[in-house]
Amino acid sequence: MNVRKVFEDPRVVMLEEEIAEYTPLMPVNESRDYVERLLGLRHRLLKEMQVYDDEMKAMVVAFNERLRNACIELYNRVEKLADEYARKDDLSGKLDIEGRIYLGHEYPKKHPIQRASAMDVWEMLTQWEFFTLYNQGCPATLTASSTQSFSHGYKDVNEWLYIGNNVHNWNYELDSEWSKDMHLTHVFSNLYTHLGFSLYDLIYVEDFDIKVNLKFDNSVYYPLNKERSKKGNQNTKNNSLS
């Protein structure tokens, strides 16, 4: 697998340089539609250039595990808060606990391509809301509401990660034989099939942003914590507000 060769392909270079030219000074609707089309073209091109070898497989499995661990951390935080608030008897009005997880905003330091245009594309994918689904996070927002006895509706974390009771393999749009035993989560599938990230983008991601908010009466937000999960482990620095 030669990632540098892929990103030095003239077609990829041209697309990324064109995407990097986007500026808020351009007409909003015209510029956003144009950049969305370019991001879609980039995703399809990189997909066509994917190499299904053992090295790529190992890196995808490792990323899926980092992502899974970060999602488990988020799930446990929401569960803990839901249990705490379910025990309170002095709540009034509607209260929602909302948990979201995003890929780290900083361009992956281990990516072999560190040119400015590639970093600009990463910023577009992770911060500029070109894919509206990403506003809710890598998976959909995990919500526990007072109107539902602070239940988020999932039996356990695997049901959330795989949208079912059994561990599944969300390997849609990948080579089926190559990926048949990878146990990919639906969160991975969402990033790859709906949110514009290629395998070559994802395999170098080690940081995740975890956000948990309290929302009162559908309008007032209180950011309970906002912290980064390094490399998908569960030993992150606690910056919660209390």
Protein backbone atom coordinates (compact mmCIF):
# COMPACT_ATOMS: atom_id res chain seq x y z
CA MET A 1 0.00 0.00 0.00
CA ASN A 2 1.58 3.27 -1.15
CA VAL A 3 -0.51 6.10 0.28
CA ARG A 4 1.92 8.76 -0.87
CA LYS A 5 1.55 7.58 -4.46
CA VAL A 6 -2.24 7.79 -4.17
CA PHE A 7 -2.24 11.37 -2.86
CA GLU A 8 0.39 12.47 -5.38
CA ASP A 9 -1.84 11.34 -8.24
CA PRO A 10 -2.45 14.51 -10.34
CA ARG A 11 -6.22 14.01 -10.14
CA VAL A 12 -6.19 13.94 -6.33
CA VAL A 13 -3.82 16.91 -6.15
CA MET A 14 -6.01 18.92 -8.53
CA LEU A 15 -9.22 18.15 -6.62
CA GLU A 16 -7.73 18.98 -3.23
CA GLU A 17 -6.21 22.23 -4.48
CA GLU A 18 -9.56 23.21 -5.98
CA ILE A 19 -11.39 22.39 -2.74
CA ALA A 20 -8.82 24.40 -0.76
CA GLU A 21 -9.68 27.47 -2.85
CA TYR A 22 -13.11 27.67 -1.20
CA THR A 23 -13.64 30.84 0.81
CA PRO A 24 -16.64 32.30 2.67
CA LEU A 25 -16.35 35.34 0.38
CA MET A 26 -17.76 33.28 -2.50
CA PRO A 27 -21.57 33.27 -3.03
CA VAL A 28 -22.83 30.90 -0.30
CA ASN A 29 -25.17 28.58 -2.20
CA GLU A 30 -23.02 28.41 -5.30
CA SER A 31 -19.77 27.83 -3.44
CA ARG A 32 -21.15 25.24 -1.02
CA ASP A 33 -22.80 23.21 -3.79
CA TYR A 34 -19.58 23.32 -5.78
CA VAL A 35 -17.39 22.21 -2.87
CA GLU A 36 -19.85 19.44 -1.96
CA ARG A 37 -19.56 18.09 -5.51
CA LEU A 38 -15.77 18.26 -5.34
CA LEU A 39 -15.69 16.44 -2.00
CA GLY A 40 -17.93 13.76 -3.49
CA LEU A 41 -15.62 13.42 -6.50
CA ARG A 42 -12.61 13.14 -4.19
CA HIS A 43 -14.29 10.40 -2.16
CA ARG A 44 -15.20 8.39 -5.27
CA LEU A 45 -11.72 8.78 -6.75
CA LEU A 46 -9.98 7.63 -3.58
CA LYS A 47 -12.42 4.75 -3.34
CA GLU A 48 -11.46 3.66 -6.86
CA MET A 49 -7.80 3.78 -5.84
CA GLN A 50 -8.22 1.73 -2.65
CA VAL A 51 -5.83 -1.15 -2.17
CA TYR A 52 -7.30 -4.19 -0.45
CA ASP A 53 -4.15 -5.70 1.01
CA ASP A 54 -3.11 -6.96 4.45
CA GLU A 55 -1.55 -3.65 5.49
CA MET A 56 -4.71 -1.70 4.72
CA LYS A 57 -6.82 -4.32 6.48
CA ALA A 58 -4.74 -4.12 9.65
CA MET A 59 -4.95 -0.30 9.67
CA VAL A 60 -8.73 -0.28 9.11
CA VAL A 61 -9.22 -2.81 11.93
CA ALA A 62 -7.04 -0.70 14.23
CA PHE A 63 -8.98 2.48 13.41
CA ASN A 64 -12.30 0.70 13.92
CA GLU A 65 -11.11 -0.40 17.37
CA ARG A 66 -10.00 3.13 18.32
CA LEU A 67 -13.35 4.49 17.14
CA ARG A 68 -15.21 1.74 18.99
CA ASN A 69 -13.38 2.49 22.26
CA ALA A 70 -14.14 6.20 21.97
CA CYS A 71 -17.82 5.44 21.32
CA ILE A 72 -17.93 3.12 24.34
CA GLU A 73 -16.51 5.94 26.45
CA LEU A 74 -19.25 8.29 25.24
CA TYR A 75 -21.95 5.66 25.81
CA ASN A 76 -20.77 5.06 29.38
CA ARG A 77 -20.72 8.79 30.15
CA VAL A 78 -24.28 9.26 28.91
CA GLU A 79 -25.39 6.16 30.84
CA LYS A 80 -23.81 7.43 34.05
CA LEU A 81 -25.42 10.86 33.73
CA ALA A 82 -28.79 9.34 32.84
CA ASP A 83 -28.65 7.21 35.97
CA GLU A 84 -27.76 10.23 38.10
CA TYR A 85 -30.56 12.42 36.77
CA ALA A 86 -33.11 9.60 36.90
CA ARG A 87 -32.59 9.56 40.69
CA LYS A 88 -33.36 13.27 41.10
CA ASP A 89 -36.84 14.19 42.27
CA ASP A 90 -36.55 17.97 41.90
CA LEU A 91 -36.40 18.25 38.09
CA SER A 92 -38.92 20.44 36.31
CA GLY A 93 -39.46 20.72 32.57
CA LYS A 94 -37.92 18.57 29.88
CA LEU A 95 -34.28 17.58 30.14
CA ASP A 96 -32.25 15.78 27.47
CA ILE A 97 -28.72 14.40 27.84
CA GLU A 98 -27.09 14.51 24.41
CA GLY A 99 -23.80 12.78 23.61
CA ARG A 100 -21.89 13.24 20.37
CA ILE A 101 -18.52 12.11 19.11
CA TYR A 102 -16.49 13.60 16.27
CA LEU A 103 -13.16 12.92 14.63
CA GLY A 104 -10.44 15.19 16.00
CA HIS A 105 -10.32 18.57 14.27
CA GLU A 106 -6.56 18.53 13.86
CA TYR A 107 -5.22 16.93 10.69
CA PRO A 108 -3.73 13.50 11.57
CA LYS A 109 -0.04 13.99 12.29
CA LYS A 110 0.86 10.49 11.10
CA HIS A 111 -0.69 10.93 7.66
CA PRO A 112 2.14 10.65 5.10
CA ILE A 113 0.79 13.64 3.17
CA GLN A 114 1.14 16.89 5.11
CA ARG A 115 0.55 19.48 2.39
CA ALA A 116 -1.61 22.52 3.05
CA SER A 117 -4.37 21.58 0.60
CA ALA A 118 -4.84 18.17 2.28
CA MET A 119 -5.14 19.90 5.65
CA ASP A 120 -7.71 22.30 4.19
CA VAL A 121 -9.78 19.36 2.92
CA TRP A 122 -9.69 17.80 6.39
CA GLU A 123 -10.95 21.06 7.84
CA MET A 124 -13.78 21.08 5.28
CA LEU A 125 -14.79 17.51 6.20
CA THR A 126 -14.64 17.93 9.97
CA GLN A 127 -15.60 21.55 10.65
CA TRP A 128 -17.45 23.19 7.77
CA GLU A 129 -20.67 21.15 7.90
CA PHE A 130 -20.75 20.20 4.23
CA PHE A 131 -22.27 16.88 5.25
CA THR A 132 -25.20 17.82 7.47
CA LEU A 133 -25.36 14.36 9.07
CA TYR A 134 -21.98 15.06 10.65
CA ASN A 135 -23.58 17.81 12.76
CA GLN A 136 -24.95 14.96 14.89
CA GLY A 137 -21.53 13.31 15.16
CA CYS A 138 -19.98 10.18 13.69
CA PRO A 139 -23.07 8.21 14.73
CA ALA A 140 -26.39 9.88 15.40
CA THR A 141 -26.61 11.79 18.69
CA LEU A 142 -27.05 9.49 21.69
CA THR A 143 -29.93 11.01 23.67
CA ALA A 144 -31.40 10.11 27.05
CA SER A 145 -34.52 12.16 27.78
CA SER A 146 -36.52 12.83 30.94
CA THR A 147 -39.67 12.15 28.89
CA GLN A 148 -38.44 8.58 28.40
CA SER A 149 -37.25 7.99 31.98
CA PHE A 150 -33.74 8.88 30.81
CA SER A 151 -33.57 5.82 28.59
CA HIS A 152 -31.65 6.10 25.29
CA GLY A 153 -33.45 3.07 23.92
CA TYR A 154 -30.51 0.67 23.54
CA LYS A 155 -30.15 -2.55 25.53
CA ASP A 156 -26.36 -2.27 25.60
CA VAL A 157 -23.45 -0.63 23.83
CA ASN A 158 -23.22 -3.31 21.13
CA GLU A 159 -26.81 -2.72 20.12
CA TRP A 160 -25.90 0.94 19.61
CA LEU A 161 -22.61 0.24 17.82
CA TYR A 162 -24.05 -2.39 15.50
CA ILE A 163 -27.76 -1.43 15.42
CA GLY A 164 -28.78 -4.90 16.54
CA ASN A 165 -28.40 -7.45 19.29
CA ASN A 166 -25.56 -9.36 17.65
CA VAL A 167 -22.12 -8.13 16.66
CA HIS A 168 -22.44 -7.34 12.99
CA ASN A 169 -20.00 -6.30 10.29
CA TRP A 170 -20.89 -3.03 8.57
CA ASN A 171 -18.63 -3.53 5.56
CA TYR A 172 -20.90 -1.92 2.96
CA GLU A 173 -19.12 -0.59 -0.14
CA LEU A 174 -15.94 -2.50 0.76
CA ASP A 175 -14.67 -5.66 -0.91
CA SER A 176 -16.84 -8.29 0.79
CA GLU A 177 -14.25 -11.08 0.88
CA TRP A 178 -11.45 -8.80 2.11
CA SER A 179 -13.59 -7.29 4.89
CA LYS A 180 -15.78 -10.26 5.86
CA ASP A 181 -14.25 -10.77 9.34
CA MET A 182 -13.53 -7.17 10.39
CA HIS A 183 -16.55 -6.53 12.70
CA LEU A 184 -16.85 -2.94 11.50
CA THR A 185 -19.31 -0.79 13.45
CA HIS A 186 -22.15 1.17 11.91
CA VAL A 187 -20.26 4.27 13.09
CA PHE A 188 -17.38 3.36 10.79
CA SER A 189 -19.83 2.68 7.96
CA ASN A 190 -21.49 6.06 8.48
CA LEU A 191 -18.18 7.87 8.17
CA TYR A 192 -17.15 5.94 5.08
CA THR A 193 -20.40 5.72 3.14
CA HIS A 194 -22.21 8.95 4.07
CA LEU A 195 -19.81 11.57 5.40
CA GLY A 196 -17.15 11.87 2.69
CA PHE A 197 -14.19 10.23 4.48
CA SER A 198 -12.06 7.77 2.53
CA LEU A 199 -10.20 4.84 4.05
CA TYR A 200 -7.00 6.78 3.41
CA ASP A 201 -8.38 9.57 5.63
CA LEU A 202 -9.67 7.38 8.46
CA ILE A 203 -6.80 4.96 9.03
CA TYR A 204 -4.55 7.71 10.44
CA VAL A 205 -7.12 9.17 12.86
CA GLU A 206 -6.17 8.73 16.52
CA ASP A 207 -8.01 11.60 18.23
CA PHE A 208 -11.74 11.98 18.86
CA ASP A 209 -13.77 14.84 20.31
CA ILE A 210 -16.43 13.79 22.83
CA LYS A 211 -19.18 16.26 23.69
CA VAL A 212 -21.98 15.83 26.22
CA ASN A 213 -24.67 18.51 26.61
CA LEU A 214 -27.68 19.00 28.81
CA LYS A 215 -30.62 20.52 26.94
CA PHE A 216 -33.44 22.07 28.93
CA ASP A 217 -36.92 22.46 27.43
CA ASN A 218 -35.61 22.02 23.87
CA SER A 219 -33.75 25.33 23.87
CA VAL A 220 -31.16 25.97 26.57
CA TYR A 221 -27.88 24.09 26.16
CA TYR A 222 -25.33 23.50 28.89
CA PRO A 223 -22.04 21.89 27.78
CA LEU A 224 -21.40 19.47 30.59
CA ASN A 225 -18.04 18.51 29.21
CA LYS A 226 -16.01 18.83 26.08
CA GLU A 227 -12.92 16.74 25.84
CA ARG A 228 -10.67 14.89 23.50
CA SER A 229 -10.18 11.15 23.57
CA LYS A 230 -6.60 10.35 22.61
CA LYS A 231 -6.18 7.25 20.49
CA GLY A 232 -9.56 5.91 21.52
CA ASN A 233 -8.52 4.97 25.04
CA GLN A 234 -10.51 5.75 28.15
CA ASN A 235 -7.88 7.67 30.11
CA THR A 236 -8.75 11.17 28.91
CA LYS A 237 -8.26 14.35 30.86
CA ASN A 238 -11.49 15.42 32.53
CA ASN A 239 -12.50 18.99 31.68
CA SER A 240 -16.10 18.75 32.88
CA LEU A 241 -17.81 21.84 34.20
CA SER A 242 -19.60 21.61 37.51
